[in-house]
C-alpha atoms as a PDB file:
ATOM      1  CA  MET A   1      85.327  96.226 102.294  1.00  0.00           C
ATOM      2  CA  PRO A   2      81.644  97.238 101.399  1.00  0.00           C
ATOM      3  CA  PRO A   3      79.673  94.483  99.527  1.00  0.00           C
ATOM      4  CA  THR A   4      78.639  94.683  96.321  1.00  0.00           C
ATOM      5  CA  THR A   5      75.099  95.683  96.346  1.00  0.00           C
ATOM      6  CA  LYS A   6      76.198  99.037  97.943  1.00  0.00           C
ATOM      7  CA  HIS A   7      78.491  99.513  95.449  1.00  0.00           C
ATOM      8  CA  LEU A   8      75.571  99.268  92.878  1.00  0.00           C
ATOM      9  CA  GLN A   9      73.523 101.511  95.139  1.00  0.00           C
ATOM     10  CA  THR A  10      76.361 104.353  94.916  1.00  0.00           C
ATOM     11  CA  SER A  11      76.521 104.058  91.511  1.00  0.00           C
ATOM     12  CA  ILE A  12      72.884 104.765  90.743  1.00  0.00           C
ATOM     13  CA  SER A  13      73.026 107.864  92.896  1.00  0.00           C
ATOM     14  CA  ARG A  14      75.859 109.008  90.776  1.00  0.00           C
ATOM     15  CA  THR A  15      74.709 107.655  87.259  1.00  0.00           C
ATOM     16  CA  GLY A  16      70.972 106.240  87.293  1.00  0.00           C
ATOM     17  CA  LYS A  17      72.640 103.259  86.514  1.00  0.00           C
ATOM     18  CA  ASP A  18      73.968 100.138  88.514  1.00  0.00           C
ATOM     19  CA  TYR A  19      76.781  98.934  86.745  1.00  0.00           C
ATOM     20  CA  ALA A  20      75.854  95.555  87.820  1.00  0.00           C
ATOM     21  CA  GLU A  21      77.901  93.545  85.571  1.00  0.00           C
ATOM     22  CA  LEU A  22      80.907  96.016  86.024  1.00  0.00           C
ATOM     23  CA  HIS A  23      80.713  95.469  89.937  1.00  0.00           C
ATOM     24  CA  SER A  24      80.776  91.471  89.933  1.00  0.00           C
ATOM     25  CA  TRP A  25      83.701  91.269  87.465  1.00  0.00           C
ATOM     26  CA  ILE A  26      85.675  93.537  89.671  1.00  0.00           C
ATOM     27  CA  ASP A  27      84.350  91.396  93.010  1.00  0.00           C
ATOM     28  CA  ASP A  28      85.148  88.145  91.006  1.00  0.00           C
ATOM     29  CA  PRO A  29      86.174  86.057  94.025  1.00  0.00           C
ATOM     30  CA  VAL A  30      89.159  84.605  92.294  1.00  0.00           C
ATOM     31  CA  LEU A  31      90.316  87.889  91.037  1.00  0.00           C
ATOM     32  CA  LYS A  32      89.044  90.199  93.531  1.00  0.00           C
ATOM     33  CA  ASN A  33      92.826  91.215  94.937  1.00  0.00           C
ATOM     34  CA  GLU A  34      94.155  91.753  91.676  1.00  0.00           C
ATOM     35  CA  ARG A  35      90.980  93.730  90.188  1.00  0.00           C
ATOM     36  CA  HIS A  36      91.283  96.024  92.911  1.00  0.00           C
ATOM     37  CA  ASP A  37      94.790  96.513  92.648  1.00  0.00           C
ATOM     38  CA  PHE A  38      95.559 100.626  91.746  1.00  0.00           C
ATOM     39  CA  THR A  39      98.427 100.086  90.431  1.00  0.00           C
ATOM     40  CA  ASN A  40      96.324  97.883  87.564  1.00  0.00           C
ATOM     41  CA  ILE A  41      94.024 100.460  86.743  1.00  0.00           C
ATOM     42  CA  TRP A  42      95.953 101.144  83.440  1.00  0.00           C
ATOM     43  CA  ASP A  43      95.931  97.394  82.585  1.00  0.00           C
ATOM     44  CA  PHE A  44      92.450  97.428  83.041  1.00  0.00           C
ATOM     45  CA  GLY A  45      91.300 101.138  82.231  1.00  0.00           C
ATOM     46  CA  ALA A  46      91.412 100.807  78.379  1.00  0.00           C
ATOM     47  CA  ALA A  47      89.207  97.235  77.841  1.00  0.00           C
ATOM     48  CA  ILE A  48      86.770  98.921  80.789  1.00  0.00           C
ATOM     49  CA  LYS A  49      86.326 102.245  79.017  1.00  0.00           C
ATOM     50  CA  ALA A  50      85.833 100.344  75.434  1.00  0.00           C
ATOM     51  CA  LYS A  51      83.146  98.260  76.787  1.00  0.00           C
ATOM     52  CA  TYR A  52      81.135 100.870  79.478  1.00  0.00           C
ATOM     53  CA  GLY A  53      82.550 104.252  78.161  1.00  0.00           C
ATOM     54  CA  GLU A  54      83.970 106.832  80.281  1.00  0.00           C
ATOM     55  CA  GLU A  55      81.354 106.780  82.870  1.00  0.00           C
ATOM     56  CA  GLY A  56      81.986 103.387  83.497  1.00  0.00           C
ATOM     57  CA  LEU A  57      85.465 103.565  83.651  1.00  0.00           C
ATOM     58  CA  ARG A  58      84.866 106.369  86.298  1.00  0.00           C
ATOM     59  CA  GLU A  59      82.742 103.915  88.363  1.00  0.00           C
ATOM     60  CA  TYR A  60      85.685 101.534  88.592  1.00  0.00           C
ATOM     61  CA  ILE A  61      87.962 103.458  90.034  1.00  0.00           C
ATOM     62  CA  GLU A  62      84.871 105.299  92.274  1.00  0.00           C
ATOM     63  CA  HIS A  63      84.555 101.102  93.328  1.00  0.00           C
ATOM     64  CA  LEU A  64      88.024 101.234  94.428  1.00  0.00           C
ATOM     65  CA  ARG A  65      88.104 104.275  96.170  1.00  0.00           C
ATOM     66  CA  GLU A  66      85.154 103.295  98.202  1.00  0.00           C
ATOM     67  CA  ASP A  67      86.887  99.979  99.348  1.00  0.00           C
ATOM     68  CA  MET A  68      89.863 101.843 100.331  1.00  0.00           C
ATOM     69  CA  ASP A  69      87.891 104.243 102.098  1.00  0.00           C
ATOM     70  CA  VAL A  70      86.440 101.578 104.379  1.00  0.00           C
ATOM     71  CA  LYS A  71      90.184  99.777 104.778  1.00  0.00           C
ATOM     72  CA  LEU A  72      91.032 103.438 106.074  1.00  0.00           C
ATOM     73  CA  MET A  73      88.311 104.099 108.124  1.00  0.00           C
ATOM     74  CA  LYS A  74      88.982 100.893 110.128  1.00  0.00           C
ATOM     75  CA  ILE A  75      92.067 102.295 111.301  1.00  0.00           C
ATOM     76  CA  TRP A  76      90.725 104.672 113.569  1.00  0.00           C
ATOM     77  CA  GLY A  77      87.665 103.163 114.503  1.00  0.00           C
ATOM     78  CA  LYS A  78      86.183 102.606 117.764  1.00  0.00           C
ATOM     79  CA  ASP A  79      87.052  98.301 117.246  1.00  0.00           C
ATOM     80  CA  ALA A  80      90.273  98.356 118.950  1.00  0.00           C
ATOM     81  CA  ALA A  81      90.777  94.766 117.465  1.00  0.00           C
ATOM     82  CA  VAL A  82      90.012  95.867 113.774  1.00  0.00           C
ATOM     83  CA  ARG A  83      91.700  98.904 114.120  1.00  0.00           C
ATOM     84  CA  ASP A  84      95.036  97.303 115.086  1.00  0.00           C
ATOM     85  CA  GLU A  85      94.414  94.650 112.286  1.00  0.00           C
ATOM     86  CA  ALA A  86      94.174  97.406 109.771  1.00  0.00           C
ATOM     87  CA  LEU A  87      97.848  98.882 111.150  1.00  0.00           C
ATOM     88  CA  ASP A  88      99.172  95.496 110.840  1.00  0.00           C
ATOM     89  CA  TYR A  89      98.557  95.765 107.271  1.00  0.00           C
ATOM     90  CA  TYR A  90     100.798  98.410 106.523  1.00  0.00           C
ATOM     91  CA  GLY A  91     103.442  97.424 109.219  1.00  0.00           C
ATOM     92  CA  ILE A  92     102.682 100.495 111.636  1.00  0.00           C
ATOM     93  CA  ARG A  93     101.834  98.913 114.822  1.00  0.00           C
ATOM     94  CA  LYS A  94     103.701  95.874 115.865  1.00  0.00           C
ATOM     95  CA  LYS A  95     102.971  93.991 119.162  1.00  0.00           C
ATOM     96  CA  GLY A  96     106.260  94.674 121.530  1.00  0.00           C
ATOM     97  CA  ARG A  97     107.731  97.556 118.961  1.00  0.00           C
ATOM     98  CA  ASP A  98     108.564 100.650 119.944  1.00  0.00           C
ATOM     99  CA  TYR A  99     105.906 102.895 117.932  1.00  0.00           C
ATOM    100  CA  SER A 100     102.415 103.188 117.396  1.00  0.00           C
ATOM    101  CA  LEU A 101     100.374 105.437 114.800  1.00  0.00           C
ATOM    102  CA  ASP A 102      98.522 108.185 116.778  1.00  0.00           C
ATOM    103  CA  MET A 103      94.948 107.729 115.305  1.00  0.00           C
ATOM    104  CA  ALA A 104      94.762 111.515 115.493  1.00  0.00           C
ATOM    105  CA  ASP A 105      97.347 112.089 112.792  1.00  0.00           C
ATOM    106  CA  ILE A 106      95.774 109.741 110.029  1.00  0.00           C
ATOM    107  CA  LYS A 107      92.560 112.342 110.756  1.00  0.00           C
ATOM    108  CA  LEU A 108      94.747 115.273 110.194  1.00  0.00           C
ATOM    109  CA  LEU A 109      95.616 113.710 106.879  1.00  0.00           C
ATOM    110  CA  GLN A 110      92.183 113.316 105.936  1.00  0.00           C
ATOM    111  CA  ASP A 111      90.794 116.239 107.153  1.00  0.00           C
ATOM    112  CA  ALA A 112      93.465 118.065 104.971  1.00  0.00           C
ATOM    113  CA  GLY A 113      91.780 116.612 102.010  1.00  0.00           C
ATOM    114  CA  MET A 114      94.496 114.103 101.002  1.00  0.00           C
ATOM    115  CA  SER A 115      92.939 111.142  98.506  1.00  0.00           C
ATOM    116  CA  ALA A 116      92.724 107.555  99.840  1.00  0.00           C
ATOM    117  CA  GLU A 117      95.092 106.686  97.442  1.00  0.00           C
ATOM    118  CA  ASP A 118      97.783 109.385  98.693  1.00  0.00           C
ATOM    119  CA  LEU A 119      96.908 108.218 102.345  1.00  0.00           C
ATOM    120  CA  ASP A 120      97.631 104.476 101.416  1.00  0.00           C
ATOM    121  CA  HIS A 121     100.631 105.531 100.131  1.00  0.00           C
ATOM    122  CA  SER A 122     101.444 107.316 103.130  1.00  0.00           C
ATOM    123  CA  LEU A 123     100.538 104.968 105.359  1.00  0.00           C
ATOM    124  CA  LYS A 124     102.954 101.948 103.390  1.00  0.00           C
ATOM    125  CA  VAL A 125     105.755 104.207 103.365  1.00  0.00           C
ATOM    126  CA  ALA A 126     105.328 104.760 106.795  1.00  0.00           C
ATOM    127  CA  GLY A 127     105.451 100.952 107.879  1.00  0.00           C
ATOM    128  CA  ARG A 128     108.367 100.297 105.438  1.00  0.00           C
ATOM    129  CA  ALA A 129     110.357 103.075 106.800  1.00  0.00           C
ATOM    130  CA  LEU A 130     109.848 101.732 110.554  1.00  0.00           C
ATOM    131  CA  ASP A 131     110.621  98.149 109.089  1.00  0.00           C
ATOM    132  CA  ILE A 132     113.904  99.881 107.929  1.00  0.00           C
ATOM    133  CA  ALA A 133     114.511 101.496 111.145  1.00  0.00           C
ATOM    134  CA  ARG A 134     114.022  98.879 113.606  1.00  0.00           C
ATOM    135  CA  ARG A 135     116.563  96.975 111.182  1.00  0.00           C
ATOM    136  CA  VAL A 136     119.347  99.404 111.508  1.00  0.00           C
ATOM    137  CA  LYS A 137     122.081  99.268 114.057  1.00  0.00           C
ATOM    138  CA  ALA A 138     122.159 102.765 115.059  1.00  0.00           C
ATOM    139  CA  ASP A 139     119.952 104.948 117.308  1.00  0.00           C
ATOM    140  CA  VAL A 140     116.802 106.386 115.666  1.00  0.00           C
ATOM    141  CA  ASP A 141     113.961 108.491 116.612  1.00  0.00           C
ATOM    142  CA  MET A 142     111.381 106.156 115.814  1.00  0.00           C
ATOM    143  CA  GLU A 143     108.375 108.585 116.255  1.00  0.00           C
ATOM    144  CA  LEU A 144     110.595 111.076 113.769  1.00  0.00           C
ATOM    145  CA  VAL A 145     110.630 108.153 111.278  1.00  0.00           C
ATOM    146  CA  GLY A 146     106.779 107.151 111.800  1.00  0.00           C
ATOM    147  CA  ARG A 147     105.302 110.426 111.764  1.00  0.00           C
ATOM    148  CA  GLY A 148     107.894 111.899 109.145  1.00  0.00           C
ATOM    149  CA  ALA A 149     106.957 108.920 106.585  1.00  0.00           C
ATOM    150  CA  LEU A 150     103.228 109.363 107.245  1.00  0.00           C
ATOM    151  CA  PHE A 151     102.982 112.879 106.626  1.00  0.00           C
ATOM    152  CA  HIS A 152     105.969 113.395 104.002  1.00  0.00           C
ATOM    153  CA  ASP A 153     103.044 113.827 101.411  1.00  0.00           C
ATOM    154  CA  LEU A 154     100.950 115.869 103.136  1.00  0.00           C
ATOM    155  CA  GLY A 155     101.269 118.745 100.171  1.00  0.00           C
ATOM    156  CA  LYS A 156      99.529 116.316  97.888  1.00  0.00           C
ATOM    157  CA  ALA A 157      96.130 117.230  99.182  1.00  0.00           C
ATOM    158  CA  LYS A 158      96.570 120.412  97.332  1.00  0.00           C
ATOM    159  CA  THR A 159      98.926 119.337  94.630  1.00  0.00           C
ATOM    160  CA  HIS A 160     100.914 116.635  93.040  1.00  0.00           C
ATOM    161  CA  ALA A 161     103.472 119.227  91.663  1.00  0.00           C
ATOM    162  CA  ILE A 162     106.897 119.540  92.642  1.00  0.00           C
ATOM    163  CA  GLU A 163     106.091 122.201  94.753  1.00  0.00           C
ATOM    164  CA  HIS A 164     103.885 119.738  96.891  1.00  0.00           C
ATOM    165  CA  GLY A 165     106.666 119.386  99.377  1.00  0.00           C
ATOM    166  CA  LEU A 166     106.696 123.307 100.234  1.00  0.00           C
ATOM    167  CA  ILE A 167     103.142 123.303 100.400  1.00  0.00           C
ATOM    168  CA  GLY A 168     103.132 120.281 102.728  1.00  0.00           C
ATOM    169  CA  ALA A 169     105.528 121.825 104.568  1.00  0.00           C
ATOM    170  CA  GLU A 170     103.393 125.363 105.126  1.00  0.00           C
ATOM    171  CA  MET A 171     100.285 123.075 105.764  1.00  0.00           C
ATOM    172  CA  GLY A 172     102.336 121.381 108.714  1.00  0.00           C
ATOM    173  CA  LYS A 173     103.314 124.573 110.129  1.00  0.00           C
ATOM    174  CA  ALA A 174      99.692 125.728 110.146  1.00  0.00           C
ATOM    175  CA  LEU A 175      98.712 122.673 111.398  1.00  0.00           C
ATOM    176  CA  GLY A 176     101.103 122.886 114.664  1.00  0.00           C
ATOM    177  CA  LEU A 177     103.274 119.686 113.418  1.00  0.00           C
ATOM    178  CA  PRO A 178     106.834 119.827 114.843  1.00  0.00           C
ATOM    179  CA  ASP A 179     109.793 121.568 112.695  1.00  0.00           C
ATOM    180  CA  THR A 180     111.243 118.328 112.126  1.00  0.00           C
ATOM    181  CA  ILE A 181     108.486 116.783 110.443  1.00  0.00           C
ATOM    182  CA  ASN A 182     107.821 120.384 108.449  1.00  0.00           C
ATOM    183  CA  VAL A 183     111.264 119.845 107.216  1.00  0.00           C
ATOM    184  CA  ILE A 184     111.187 116.183 106.209  1.00  0.00           C
ATOM    185  CA  MET A 185     108.089 117.556 103.781  1.00  0.00           C
ATOM    186  CA  GLU A 186     110.017 120.567 102.758  1.00  0.00           C
ATOM    187  CA  LYS A 187     112.976 118.147 101.720  1.00  0.00           C
ATOM    188  CA  HIS A 188     111.751 115.050 100.547  1.00  0.00           C
ATOM    189  CA  ILE A 189     111.329 116.076  96.922  1.00  0.00           C
ATOM    190  CA  ARG A 190     114.158 114.118  94.466  1.00  0.00           C
ATOM    191  CA  GLY A 191     115.620 112.851  98.082  1.00  0.00           C
ATOM    192  CA  GLY A 192     116.947 116.208  99.235  1.00  0.00           C
ATOM    193  CA  LEU A 193     118.067 118.578  96.364  1.00  0.00           C
ATOM    194  CA  THR A 194     121.411 121.195  96.210  1.00  0.00           C
ATOM    195  CA  ALA A 195     120.603 124.916  96.028  1.00  0.00           C
ATOM    196  CA  ALA A 196     121.719 124.270  92.452  1.00  0.00           C
ATOM    197  CA  GLU A 197     119.053 121.874  91.499  1.00  0.00           C
ATOM    198  CA  ALA A 198     116.474 123.987  93.683  1.00  0.00           C
ATOM    199  CA  THR A 199     117.262 126.753  90.905  1.00  0.00           C
ATOM    200  CA  GLU A 200     116.967 124.344  88.163  1.00  0.00           C
ATOM    201  CA  PHE A 201     113.534 123.354  89.218  1.00  0.00           C
ATOM    202  CA  GLY A 202     112.547 126.636  89.812  1.00  0.00           C
ATOM    203  CA  LEU A 203     112.155 126.112  94.021  1.00  0.00           C
ATOM    204  CA  PRO A 204     113.270 128.552  96.654  1.00  0.00           C
ATOM    205  CA  VAL A 205     116.857 128.655  96.656  1.00  0.00           C
ATOM    206  CA  LYS A 206     118.205 126.799  99.465  1.00  0.00           C
ATOM    207  CA  ASP A 207     120.034 123.624 101.094  1.00  0.00           C
ATOM    208  CA  TYR A 208     117.337 120.845 100.882  1.00  0.00           C
ATOM    209  CA  THR A 209     120.212 117.859 101.586  1.00  0.00           C
ATOM    210  CA  LEU A 210     119.392 115.573 104.339  1.00  0.00           C
ATOM    211  CA  HIS A 211     121.679 115.920 107.478  1.00  0.00           C
ATOM    212  CA  LYS A 212     119.748 113.341 109.548  1.00  0.00           C
ATOM    213  CA  LEU A 213     119.523 109.554 109.273  1.00  0.00           C
ATOM    214  CA  GLU A 214     115.799 109.358 110.318  1.00  0.00           C
ATOM    215  CA  GLU A 215     115.500 111.607 106.747  1.00  0.00           C
ATOM    216  CA  ARG A 216     117.233 109.422 104.727  1.00  0.00           C
ATOM    217  CA  ILE A 217     115.703 106.510 105.763  1.00  0.00           C
ATOM    218  CA  ILE A 218     112.159 108.195 104.883  1.00  0.00           C
ATOM    219  CA  ILE A 219     113.350 108.842 101.702  1.00  0.00           C
ATOM    220  CA  TYR A 220     114.319 105.093 100.765  1.00  0.00           C
ATOM    221  CA  ALA A 221     111.369 104.120 102.035  1.00  0.00           C
ATOM    222  CA  ASP A 222     109.401 106.475 100.168  1.00  0.00           C
ATOM    223  CA  ARG A 223     111.490 104.669  97.088  1.00  0.00           C
ATOM    224  CA  LEU A 224     110.769 101.040  97.956  1.00  0.00           C
ATOM    225  CA  VAL A 225     107.233 101.530  98.149  1.00  0.00           C
ATOM    226  CA  ASP A 226     106.934 102.718  94.877  1.00  0.00           C
ATOM    227  CA  ILE A 227     109.133 100.080  93.390  1.00  0.00           C
ATOM    228  CA  ILE A 228     107.135  97.227  95.610  1.00  0.00           C
ATOM    229  CA  TYR A 229     103.570  98.491  94.645  1.00  0.00           C
ATOM    230  CA  ASP A 230     103.924 100.591  91.494  1.00  0.00           C
ATOM    231  CA  GLY A 231     103.485  97.509  88.954  1.00  0.00           C
ATOM    232  CA  LEU A 232     106.184  99.000  86.798  1.00  0.00           C
ATOM    233  CA  VAL A 233     109.042  96.513  87.902  1.00  0.00           C
ATOM    234  CA  LYS A 234     107.819  92.990  88.904  1.00  0.00           C
ATOM    235  CA  VAL A 235     109.379  92.386  92.072  1.00  0.00           C
ATOM    236  CA  ASP A 236     109.028  89.659  94.693  1.00  0.00           C
ATOM    237  CA  GLY A 237     108.307  91.823  97.825  1.00  0.00           C
ATOM    238  CA  ALA A 238     110.713  94.029 100.058  1.00  0.00           C
ATOM    239  CA  ALA A 239     113.345  92.475 100.460  1.00  0.00           C
ATOM    240  CA  ASP A 240     113.596  91.797  96.172  1.00  0.00           C
ATOM    241  CA  ALA A 241     113.046  95.293  95.709  1.00  0.00           C
ATOM    242  CA  GLU A 242     115.763  95.981  98.411  1.00  0.00           C
ATOM    243  CA  LYS A 243     118.330  93.467  96.782  1.00  0.00           C
ATOM    244  CA  ARG A 244     117.862  94.898  93.108  1.00  0.00           C
ATOM    245  CA  PHE A 245     117.529  98.825  94.094  1.00  0.00           C
ATOM    246  CA  GLU A 246     120.287  99.928  92.194  1.00  0.00           C
ATOM    247  CA  ASP A 247     119.451  97.882  89.153  1.00  0.00           C
ATOM    248  CA  ILE A 248     115.876  99.180  89.068  1.00  0.00           C
ATOM    249  CA  LEU A 249     116.851 102.784  89.653  1.00  0.00           C
ATOM    250  CA  SER A 250     119.583 102.664  86.714  1.00  0.00           C
ATOM    251  CA  ASN A 251     116.800 101.006  84.450  1.00  0.00           C
ATOM    252  CA  GLU A 252     113.795 102.784  85.124  1.00  0.00           C
ATOM    253  CA  ILE A 253     114.045 106.441  84.968  1.00  0.00           C
ATOM    254  CA  LYS A 254     110.641 107.099  86.687  1.00  0.00           C
ATOM    255  CA  TYR A 255     112.834 105.595  89.870  1.00  0.00           C
ATOM    256  CA  GLY A 256     116.041 106.970  89.310  1.00  0.00           C
ATOM    257  CA  LYS A 257     114.985 110.431  87.861  1.00  0.00           C
ATOM    258  CA  ASN A 258     118.374 111.749  86.591  1.00  0.00           C
ATOM    259  CA  ASP A 259     122.160 110.958  87.049  1.00  0.00           C
ATOM    260  CA  ILE A 260     122.584 113.399  90.322  1.00  0.00           C
ATOM    261  CA  THR A 261     119.243 111.808  91.894  1.00  0.00           C
ATOM    262  CA  ARG A 262     119.905 108.219  91.158  1.00  0.00           C
ATOM    263  CA  GLU A 263     123.446 108.633  92.842  1.00  0.00           C
ATOM    264  CA  ARG A 264     121.972 110.380  95.526  1.00  0.00           C
ATOM    265  CA  TYR A 265     119.537 107.428  95.995  1.00  0.00           C
ATOM    266  CA  PHE A 266     122.483 104.732  95.742  1.00  0.00           C
ATOM    267  CA  GLY A 267     124.046 106.660  98.620  1.00  0.00           C
ATOM    268  CA  TYR A 268     121.180 106.234 101.021  1.00  0.00           C
ATOM    269  CA  HIS A 269     120.779 102.905  99.995  1.00  0.00           C
ATOM    270  CA  ARG A 270     124.365 101.592 100.640  1.00  0.00           C
ATOM    271  CA  GLU A 271     124.359 103.874 103.891  1.00  0.00           C
ATOM    272  CA  ILE A 272     121.384 101.925 105.300  1.00  0.00           C
ATOM    273  CA  GLN A 273     121.806  98.561 103.867  1.00  0.00           C
ATOM    274  CA  GLY A 274     125.504  98.587 105.766  1.00  0.00           C
ATOM    275  CA  LEU A 275     123.648  99.639 109.143  1.00  0.00           C
ATOM    276  CA  MET A 276     120.888  96.821 108.718  1.00  0.00           C
ATOM    277  CA  GLY A 277     121.145  93.684 110.845  1.00  0.00           C
ATOM    278  CA  SER A 278     118.353  91.656 109.209  1.00  0.00           C
ATOM    279  CA  THR A 279     116.659  91.072 105.683  1.00  0.00           C
ATOM    280  CA  ALA A 280     113.578  93.079 104.692  1.00  0.00           C
ATOM    281  CA  GLN A 281     109.940  91.905 106.156  1.00  0.00           C
END
């Protein structure tokens, strides 16, 4: 992470003020982790805006973004030990395991314009999906799971609207990504829409349902990462999120969406849990 003095310098370059008090508050040695958590922006944002104004709120968010950029840069830096430590943080590189992320894939996402927050989410989904894939008692294409999860939100480099799946698939095709990965981007919206649902959402009318176990693992991981890190529901890690999955989706519309989508997620949860041979990590 950049030192507080570095944040002061970048604030001065952007605003002409160093916001020293604000940056010291963010980097408080005891509460640093809590105040650097993107999911807490809503909790802290109102008080920061009231004290420092709209500009101060932006500087708070920029502080978090700068720290995240440093963390992500470590992943494909020249220092192998630092890089591996960063990959271990996301659960992507495991000693003796069967998949290792290609650093070029992260660079593709960064060069495409994906934000630090969205890339952080995608790395977490990749780590969670790989953990699940390693635990299921079935033949799974680990590379497809890892790369498909990493790229699933590529379209968010352009838009966060429901069309981001289609846009991501188009971007992936232009980048020369395999069709198997482009299909995951295209179909991941709402966990795999039927043609009738696609019509309802104004998307090209076709069947987006998920036919591969690897695709369903990625969708399940994506939903779990949201639950674990959003902060909307308090969960005690991944195992608790899996255990309470159906209850959480039943009670939080953000995750369950509607009856059809929720039942689809329930189906993936039950199928994948049935194939698992160990608890979440």
